[in-house]
């Protein structure tokens, strides 16, 4: 059986996305070829579009990690991929982050209190974060979206 046939046996083709039906890791399809595991969307790109230059990412225009439709895939650098993610509002920031200690409301309160003259060290103690975190918040180097 050819690699392409094995590959296509693991796809549910719809009018839009071609969804990977076999093993996935963190939402991305995986396929083993000659004893090595590859991301399915990268294999799809190579099978249907062409070679992938060193250092290039295969990005999804549809934002569906399990999609392997070559019409939904494009090459870009890691920076391109991160800009695409940010432009579409998919990056984890603020309250969306798994390890955040603050809420949007607390950040707004911290900024207001700082404008009223409360010192960074006092805000840090009150909210249980480090003083540099407060500095980054009030200077909008962190939580800039709030």
Foldseek 3Di string as FASTA:
>chain_A
DDPVVVLLVQWDDDPPFTFGNDDDDPQFDWDDDPRDIDTSLQVLCCVPPRDADPQKDWAACVPRRRGNPNVRTDIDHVVVRVVSCVVVPNDQAAPSDPPDQDHLVLLVVLLVVVVVPDQLVVSCVVSVHDSVVSVCSNVCVGPVVD
